[in-house]
Amino acid sequence: MTTLASAIVDSPISALLARIVLTTLFWMAGLYGVFNFSAIVQEMVNEKLPVPVAFAVATIATQILGSALVITNFQGLGWVGAVGLAVFTLLTIPFGHAFWTFDEPRKTAEFHIALEHITVAGGLLLAAIYLAKR
């Protein structure tokens, strides 16, 4: 590896920026939820989840707290945030993107979203491994 590449890879600033970028989807969605709570509750109603307000609060809390843990690695708990976000992301597949229940063309669209969620979860699990070693 070149000296420049090593400097970038080994830089704490690079690691911080990577964690911010990795969690952007979650902290932005969480902040949106804080300021548009009724819209998040309505999403839970639309998905026919029981106790939609509780699910909305849990969703927003998971997104914001999980992101904060990953970004800051507070008390070495960044891996917990990353695993939590990975589990959350995977759970959204059966609850929000159950592609197997739809007809085409929505079935394929939801399947692609599910694949993207699996990929994001994989990245979060890699972050968990990285953060657990810090």
N, C-alpha and C. Protein backbone atom coordinates (compact mmCIF):
# COMPACT_ATOMS: atom_id res chain seq x y z
N MET A 1 0.86 -1.17 0.00
CA MET A 1 0.00 0.00 0.00
C MET A 1 0.90 1.23 0.00
N THR A 2 0.51 2.23 -0.75
CA THR A 2 1.31 3.45 -0.82
C THR A 2 1.22 4.22 0.49
N THR A 3 2.14 5.11 0.67
CA THR A 3 2.16 5.92 1.89
C THR A 3 0.89 6.75 2.01
N LEU A 4 0.45 7.34 0.90
CA LEU A 4 -0.78 8.15 0.93
C LEU A 4 -1.99 7.29 1.28
N ALA A 5 -2.10 6.13 0.63
CA ALA A 5 -3.22 5.24 0.92
C ALA A 5 -3.19 4.79 2.37
N SER A 6 -2.03 4.46 2.89
CA SER A 6 -1.90 4.06 4.29
C SER A 6 -2.33 5.18 5.22
N ALA A 7 -1.92 6.39 4.89
CA ALA A 7 -2.27 7.54 5.72
C ALA A 7 -3.78 7.75 5.75
N ILE A 8 -4.43 7.57 4.61
CA ILE A 8 -5.89 7.74 4.55
C ILE A 8 -6.59 6.62 5.31
N VAL A 9 -6.18 5.39 5.07
CA VAL A 9 -6.82 4.24 5.72
C VAL A 9 -6.61 4.27 7.23
N ASP A 10 -5.45 4.69 7.67
CA ASP A 10 -5.13 4.69 9.10
C ASP A 10 -5.60 5.94 9.84
N SER A 11 -6.12 6.91 9.13
CA SER A 11 -6.51 8.18 9.73
C SER A 11 -7.79 8.05 10.55
N PRO A 12 -7.78 8.53 11.80
CA PRO A 12 -9.01 8.55 12.59
C PRO A 12 -10.09 9.42 11.94
N ILE A 13 -9.68 10.45 11.22
CA ILE A 13 -10.65 11.32 10.54
C ILE A 13 -11.34 10.54 9.42
N SER A 14 -10.59 9.74 8.68
CA SER A 14 -11.20 8.91 7.63
C SER A 14 -12.21 7.94 8.23
N ALA A 15 -11.85 7.34 9.36
CA ALA A 15 -12.75 6.40 10.01
C ALA A 15 -14.02 7.10 10.48
N LEU A 16 -13.88 8.29 11.04
CA LEU A 16 -15.04 9.06 11.48
C LEU A 16 -15.93 9.42 10.29
N LEU A 17 -15.34 9.91 9.22
CA LEU A 17 -16.12 10.26 8.03
C LEU A 17 -16.84 9.04 7.47
N ALA A 18 -16.18 7.90 7.46
CA ALA A 18 -16.80 6.67 6.96
C ALA A 18 -18.01 6.29 7.82
N ARG A 19 -17.89 6.44 9.14
CA ARG A 19 -19.01 6.10 10.02
C ARG A 19 -20.17 7.08 9.84
N ILE A 20 -19.86 8.34 9.61
CA ILE A 20 -20.92 9.33 9.35
C ILE A 20 -21.64 8.99 8.05
N VAL A 21 -20.87 8.70 7.01
CA VAL A 21 -21.47 8.36 5.71
C VAL A 21 -22.30 7.08 5.82
N LEU A 22 -21.76 6.06 6.50
CA LEU A 22 -22.47 4.79 6.64
C LEU A 22 -23.83 4.96 7.31
N THR A 23 -23.91 5.86 8.27
CA THR A 23 -25.15 6.03 9.03
C THR A 23 -26.05 7.16 8.53
N THR A 24 -25.67 7.82 7.46
CA THR A 24 -26.44 8.98 6.97
C THR A 24 -27.92 8.66 6.79
N LEU A 25 -28.22 7.54 6.17
CA LEU A 25 -29.62 7.15 5.96
C LEU A 25 -30.39 7.13 7.28
N PHE A 26 -29.75 6.61 8.32
CA PHE A 26 -30.44 6.41 9.59
C PHE A 26 -30.61 7.70 10.38
N TRP A 27 -29.54 8.49 10.54
CA TRP A 27 -29.70 9.70 11.34
C TRP A 27 -30.56 10.73 10.62
N MET A 28 -30.50 10.76 9.29
CA MET A 28 -31.38 11.68 8.56
C MET A 28 -32.84 11.25 8.69
N ALA A 29 -33.09 9.95 8.57
CA ALA A 29 -34.46 9.45 8.73
C ALA A 29 -34.96 9.68 10.15
N GLY A 30 -34.09 9.48 11.13
CA GLY A 30 -34.47 9.72 12.51
C GLY A 30 -34.81 11.17 12.77
N LEU A 31 -33.99 12.07 12.26
CA LEU A 31 -34.29 13.50 12.42
C LEU A 31 -35.57 13.88 11.70
N TYR A 32 -35.77 13.33 10.50
CA TYR A 32 -37.03 13.57 9.79
C TYR A 32 -38.20 13.12 10.67
N GLY A 33 -38.05 11.95 11.29
CA GLY A 33 -39.11 11.42 12.14
C GLY A 33 -39.41 12.29 13.34
N VAL A 34 -38.37 12.87 13.93
CA VAL A 34 -38.57 13.77 15.08
C VAL A 34 -39.43 14.96 14.67
N PHE A 35 -39.14 15.51 13.50
CA PHE A 35 -39.84 16.72 13.06
C PHE A 35 -41.12 16.44 12.27
N ASN A 36 -41.34 15.18 11.93
CA ASN A 36 -42.53 14.78 11.17
C ASN A 36 -43.12 13.51 11.79
N PHE A 37 -43.28 13.55 13.09
CA PHE A 37 -43.68 12.35 13.84
C PHE A 37 -44.98 11.76 13.32
N SER A 38 -45.96 12.59 13.03
CA SER A 38 -47.25 12.06 12.57
C SER A 38 -47.11 11.30 11.26
N ALA A 39 -46.19 11.71 10.41
CA ALA A 39 -45.97 10.98 9.15
C ALA A 39 -45.38 9.60 9.42
N ILE A 40 -44.51 9.50 10.42
CA ILE A 40 -43.92 8.20 10.77
C ILE A 40 -44.99 7.30 11.39
N VAL A 41 -45.81 7.87 12.25
CA VAL A 41 -46.91 7.08 12.82
C VAL A 41 -47.82 6.58 11.70
N GLN A 42 -48.11 7.42 10.73
CA GLN A 42 -48.96 7.01 9.61
C GLN A 42 -48.32 5.88 8.81
N GLU A 43 -47.00 5.90 8.65
CA GLU A 43 -46.31 4.79 7.98
C GLU A 43 -46.55 3.49 8.73
N MET A 44 -46.49 3.55 10.06
CA MET A 44 -46.71 2.35 10.88
C MET A 44 -48.15 1.87 10.75
N VAL A 45 -49.08 2.81 10.70
CA VAL A 45 -50.50 2.46 10.48
C VAL A 45 -50.65 1.80 9.12
N ASN A 46 -50.03 2.37 8.09
CA ASN A 46 -50.13 1.82 6.73
C ASN A 46 -49.58 0.40 6.64
N GLU A 47 -48.56 0.11 7.46
CA GLU A 47 -47.98 -1.24 7.47
C GLU A 47 -48.73 -2.18 8.40
N LYS A 48 -49.80 -1.66 9.02
CA LYS A 48 -50.67 -2.44 9.91
C LYS A 48 -49.91 -2.98 11.13
N LEU A 49 -48.97 -2.19 11.63
CA LEU A 49 -48.24 -2.58 12.83
C LEU A 49 -49.08 -2.25 14.05
N PRO A 50 -49.05 -3.11 15.06
CA PRO A 50 -49.79 -2.81 16.29
C PRO A 50 -49.11 -1.66 17.03
N VAL A 51 -49.86 -0.90 17.76
CA VAL A 51 -49.35 0.22 18.55
C VAL A 51 -48.41 1.09 17.70
N PRO A 52 -48.95 1.72 16.67
CA PRO A 52 -48.11 2.48 15.73
C PRO A 52 -47.27 3.58 16.37
N VAL A 53 -47.77 4.22 17.41
CA VAL A 53 -46.99 5.27 18.07
C VAL A 53 -45.74 4.67 18.71
N ALA A 54 -45.89 3.52 19.36
CA ALA A 54 -44.73 2.86 19.98
C ALA A 54 -43.71 2.44 18.92
N PHE A 55 -44.18 1.91 17.81
CA PHE A 55 -43.27 1.52 16.73
C PHE A 55 -42.57 2.74 16.14
N ALA A 56 -43.29 3.85 16.03
CA ALA A 56 -42.67 5.08 15.50
C ALA A 56 -41.58 5.57 16.44
N VAL A 57 -41.86 5.58 17.74
CA VAL A 57 -40.86 6.01 18.72
C VAL A 57 -39.65 5.08 18.68
N ALA A 58 -39.90 3.77 18.66
CA ALA A 58 -38.80 2.80 18.62
C ALA A 58 -37.96 2.95 17.35
N THR A 59 -38.61 3.20 16.24
CA THR A 59 -37.90 3.38 14.97
C THR A 59 -36.99 4.60 15.03
N ILE A 60 -37.54 5.72 15.46
CA ILE A 60 -36.76 6.96 15.53
C ILE A 60 -35.61 6.81 16.53
N ALA A 61 -35.89 6.24 17.69
CA ALA A 61 -34.85 6.05 18.70
C ALA A 61 -33.73 5.15 18.19
N THR A 62 -34.11 4.06 17.53
CA THR A 62 -33.10 3.15 16.97
C THR A 62 -32.23 3.86 15.95
N GLN A 63 -32.86 4.62 15.07
CA GLN A 63 -32.12 5.31 14.02
C GLN A 63 -31.15 6.35 14.60
N ILE A 64 -31.61 7.14 15.54
CA ILE A 64 -30.77 8.21 16.08
C ILE A 64 -29.72 7.66 17.05
N LEU A 65 -30.15 6.83 18.00
CA LEU A 65 -29.19 6.32 18.99
C LEU A 65 -28.19 5.36 18.35
N GLY A 66 -28.66 4.51 17.45
CA GLY A 66 -27.74 3.61 16.76
C GLY A 66 -26.70 4.38 15.97
N SER A 67 -27.14 5.40 15.26
CA SER A 67 -26.20 6.23 14.49
C SER A 67 -25.20 6.93 15.41
N ALA A 68 -25.70 7.49 16.50
CA ALA A 68 -24.82 8.20 17.43
C ALA A 68 -23.76 7.27 18.00
N LEU A 69 -24.15 6.04 18.34
CA LEU A 69 -23.17 5.08 18.86
C LEU A 69 -22.13 4.73 17.81
N VAL A 70 -22.57 4.49 16.58
CA VAL A 70 -21.62 4.15 15.52
C VAL A 70 -20.67 5.31 15.26
N ILE A 71 -21.20 6.51 15.16
CA ILE A 71 -20.37 7.67 14.83
C ILE A 71 -19.36 7.97 15.94
N THR A 72 -19.81 7.95 17.19
CA THR A 72 -18.95 8.35 18.31
C THR A 72 -18.18 7.19 18.92
N ASN A 73 -18.67 5.97 18.74
CA ASN A 73 -18.12 4.79 19.43
C ASN A 73 -18.04 5.05 20.94
N PHE A 74 -19.07 5.70 21.46
CA PHE A 74 -19.13 6.07 22.88
C PHE A 74 -18.93 4.85 23.77
N GLN A 75 -17.96 4.96 24.67
CA GLN A 75 -17.65 3.89 25.62
C GLN A 75 -17.38 2.56 24.92
N GLY A 76 -16.93 2.61 23.68
CA GLY A 76 -16.65 1.38 22.93
C GLY A 76 -17.90 0.63 22.50
N LEU A 77 -19.05 1.32 22.52
CA LEU A 77 -20.33 0.67 22.19
C LEU A 77 -20.79 0.91 20.76
N GLY A 78 -19.91 1.38 19.92
CA GLY A 78 -20.27 1.59 18.52
C GLY A 78 -20.74 0.32 17.85
N TRP A 79 -20.14 -0.80 18.23
CA TRP A 79 -20.53 -2.08 17.64
C TRP A 79 -21.99 -2.41 17.98
N VAL A 80 -22.43 -2.02 19.17
CA VAL A 80 -23.83 -2.28 19.56
C VAL A 80 -24.77 -1.48 18.65
N GLY A 81 -24.42 -0.23 18.40
CA GLY A 81 -25.22 0.59 17.49
C GLY A 81 -25.26 0.01 16.09
N ALA A 82 -24.10 -0.47 15.61
CA ALA A 82 -24.04 -1.04 14.26
C ALA A 82 -24.87 -2.32 14.16
N VAL A 83 -24.77 -3.19 15.16
CA VAL A 83 -25.58 -4.42 15.14
C VAL A 83 -27.06 -4.07 15.24
N GLY A 84 -27.39 -3.12 16.11
CA GLY A 84 -28.79 -2.70 16.23
C GLY A 84 -29.36 -2.16 14.93
N LEU A 85 -28.58 -1.34 14.24
CA LEU A 85 -29.04 -0.82 12.95
C LEU A 85 -29.13 -1.93 11.90
N ALA A 86 -28.22 -2.89 11.95
CA ALA A 86 -28.28 -4.02 11.01
C ALA A 86 -29.55 -4.85 11.23
N VAL A 87 -29.83 -5.16 12.50
CA VAL A 87 -31.05 -5.93 12.81
C VAL A 87 -32.29 -5.14 12.40
N PHE A 88 -32.32 -3.86 12.76
CA PHE A 88 -33.44 -3.00 12.37
C PHE A 88 -33.64 -3.02 10.86
N THR A 89 -32.55 -2.88 10.12
CA THR A 89 -32.62 -2.84 8.65
C THR A 89 -33.16 -4.15 8.10
N LEU A 90 -32.71 -5.26 8.65
CA LEU A 90 -33.20 -6.57 8.18
C LEU A 90 -34.67 -6.77 8.54
N LEU A 91 -35.08 -6.27 9.71
CA LEU A 91 -36.49 -6.42 10.11
C LEU A 91 -37.44 -5.60 9.23
N THR A 92 -36.92 -4.56 8.59
CA THR A 92 -37.80 -3.78 7.72
C THR A 92 -38.18 -4.54 6.46
N ILE A 93 -37.45 -5.61 6.16
CA ILE A 93 -37.79 -6.38 4.95
C ILE A 93 -39.15 -7.05 5.11
N PRO A 94 -39.37 -7.90 6.14
CA PRO A 94 -40.69 -8.52 6.23
C PRO A 94 -41.81 -7.55 6.62
N PHE A 95 -41.46 -6.47 7.34
CA PHE A 95 -42.49 -5.54 7.78
C PHE A 95 -42.82 -4.46 6.76
N GLY A 96 -41.87 -4.08 5.91
CA GLY A 96 -42.12 -2.99 4.99
C GLY A 96 -41.85 -3.29 3.53
N HIS A 97 -41.14 -4.39 3.27
CA HIS A 97 -40.75 -4.69 1.88
C HIS A 97 -40.93 -6.18 1.59
N ALA A 98 -42.04 -6.73 2.02
CA ALA A 98 -42.32 -8.16 1.85
C ALA A 98 -42.63 -8.45 0.39
N PHE A 99 -41.58 -8.49 -0.40
CA PHE A 99 -41.71 -8.61 -1.86
C PHE A 99 -42.51 -9.83 -2.28
N TRP A 100 -42.44 -10.89 -1.50
CA TRP A 100 -43.12 -12.14 -1.84
C TRP A 100 -44.64 -12.02 -1.77
N THR A 101 -45.15 -10.92 -1.22
CA THR A 101 -46.60 -10.73 -1.10
C THR A 101 -47.19 -9.89 -2.23
N PHE A 102 -46.35 -9.37 -3.11
CA PHE A 102 -46.80 -8.45 -4.15
C PHE A 102 -46.81 -9.11 -5.53
N ASP A 103 -47.57 -8.51 -6.42
CA ASP A 103 -47.54 -8.88 -7.83
C ASP A 103 -46.52 -7.99 -8.54
N GLU A 104 -46.13 -8.43 -9.72
CA GLU A 104 -45.22 -7.61 -10.54
C GLU A 104 -45.96 -6.35 -11.00
N PRO A 105 -45.32 -5.25 -11.18
CA PRO A 105 -43.88 -5.01 -11.09
C PRO A 105 -43.40 -4.65 -9.69
N ARG A 106 -44.36 -4.45 -8.75
CA ARG A 106 -43.95 -4.05 -7.40
C ARG A 106 -43.11 -5.13 -6.73
N LYS A 107 -43.39 -6.39 -7.03
CA LYS A 107 -42.63 -7.49 -6.43
C LYS A 107 -41.14 -7.32 -6.69
N THR A 108 -40.78 -7.03 -7.93
CA THR A 108 -39.37 -6.85 -8.28
C THR A 108 -38.79 -5.60 -7.62
N ALA A 109 -39.56 -4.53 -7.58
CA ALA A 109 -39.08 -3.30 -6.95
C ALA A 109 -38.80 -3.53 -5.46
N GLU A 110 -39.72 -4.19 -4.77
CA GLU A 110 -39.54 -4.47 -3.34
C GLU A 110 -38.39 -5.46 -3.12
N PHE A 111 -38.21 -6.41 -4.04
CA PHE A 111 -37.10 -7.35 -3.96
C PHE A 111 -35.77 -6.61 -4.04
N HIS A 112 -35.67 -5.64 -4.93
CA HIS A 112 -34.44 -4.85 -5.05
C HIS A 112 -34.19 -4.05 -3.77
N ILE A 113 -35.23 -3.51 -3.19
CA ILE A 113 -35.08 -2.80 -1.92
C ILE A 113 -34.59 -3.76 -0.84
N ALA A 114 -35.15 -4.96 -0.81
CA ALA A 114 -34.71 -5.97 0.17
C ALA A 114 -33.23 -6.29 -0.01
N LEU A 115 -32.79 -6.44 -1.25
CA LEU A 115 -31.37 -6.71 -1.50
C LEU A 115 -30.50 -5.55 -1.03
N GLU A 116 -30.95 -4.33 -1.26
CA GLU A 116 -30.21 -3.16 -0.78
C GLU A 116 -30.12 -3.17 0.75
N HIS A 117 -31.21 -3.54 1.40
CA HIS A 117 -31.22 -3.60 2.86
C HIS A 117 -30.23 -4.66 3.36
N ILE A 118 -30.19 -5.79 2.69
CA ILE A 118 -29.24 -6.85 3.08
C ILE A 118 -27.81 -6.34 2.92
N THR A 119 -27.55 -5.62 1.85
CA THR A 119 -26.22 -5.07 1.61
C THR A 119 -25.84 -4.05 2.68
N VAL A 120 -26.75 -3.16 3.03
CA VAL A 120 -26.49 -2.18 4.08
C VAL A 120 -26.22 -2.89 5.40
N ALA A 121 -27.01 -3.92 5.70
CA ALA A 121 -26.79 -4.68 6.94
C ALA A 121 -25.40 -5.30 6.95
N GLY A 122 -24.95 -5.80 5.82
CA GLY A 122 -23.60 -6.35 5.73
C GLY A 122 -22.54 -5.30 6.03
N GLY A 123 -22.70 -4.11 5.49
CA GLY A 123 -21.77 -3.02 5.79
C GLY A 123 -21.79 -2.65 7.26
N LEU A 124 -22.97 -2.64 7.86
CA LEU A 124 -23.07 -2.34 9.28
C LEU A 124 -22.40 -3.42 10.13
N LEU A 125 -22.53 -4.67 9.71
CA LEU A 125 -21.87 -5.75 10.46
C LEU A 125 -20.35 -5.65 10.33
N LEU A 126 -19.85 -5.24 9.17
CA LEU A 126 -18.41 -4.97 9.05
C LEU A 126 -18.00 -3.84 9.98
N ALA A 127 -18.81 -2.80 10.07
CA ALA A 127 -18.52 -1.70 10.98
C ALA A 127 -18.52 -2.20 12.42
N ALA A 128 -19.44 -3.09 12.76
CA ALA A 128 -19.48 -3.65 14.12
C ALA A 128 -18.18 -4.38 14.43
N ILE A 129 -17.69 -5.17 13.49
CA ILE A 129 -16.43 -5.89 13.68
C ILE A 129 -15.29 -4.89 13.89
N TYR A 130 -15.24 -3.88 13.05
CA TYR A 130 -14.20 -2.84 13.15
C TYR A 130 -14.27 -2.14 14.50
N LEU A 131 -15.47 -1.72 14.90
CA LEU A 131 -15.63 -0.95 16.13
C LEU A 131 -15.38 -1.80 17.37
N ALA A 132 -15.68 -3.08 17.30
CA ALA A 132 -15.45 -3.96 18.45
C ALA A 132 -13.96 -4.10 18.75
N LYS A 133 -13.13 -3.85 17.76
CA LYS A 133 -11.68 -3.98 17.93
C LYS A 133 -11.03 -2.66 18.35
N ARG A 134 -11.82 -1.61 18.54
CA ARG A 134 -11.27 -0.30 18.90
C ARG A 134 -11.32 -0.09 20.39
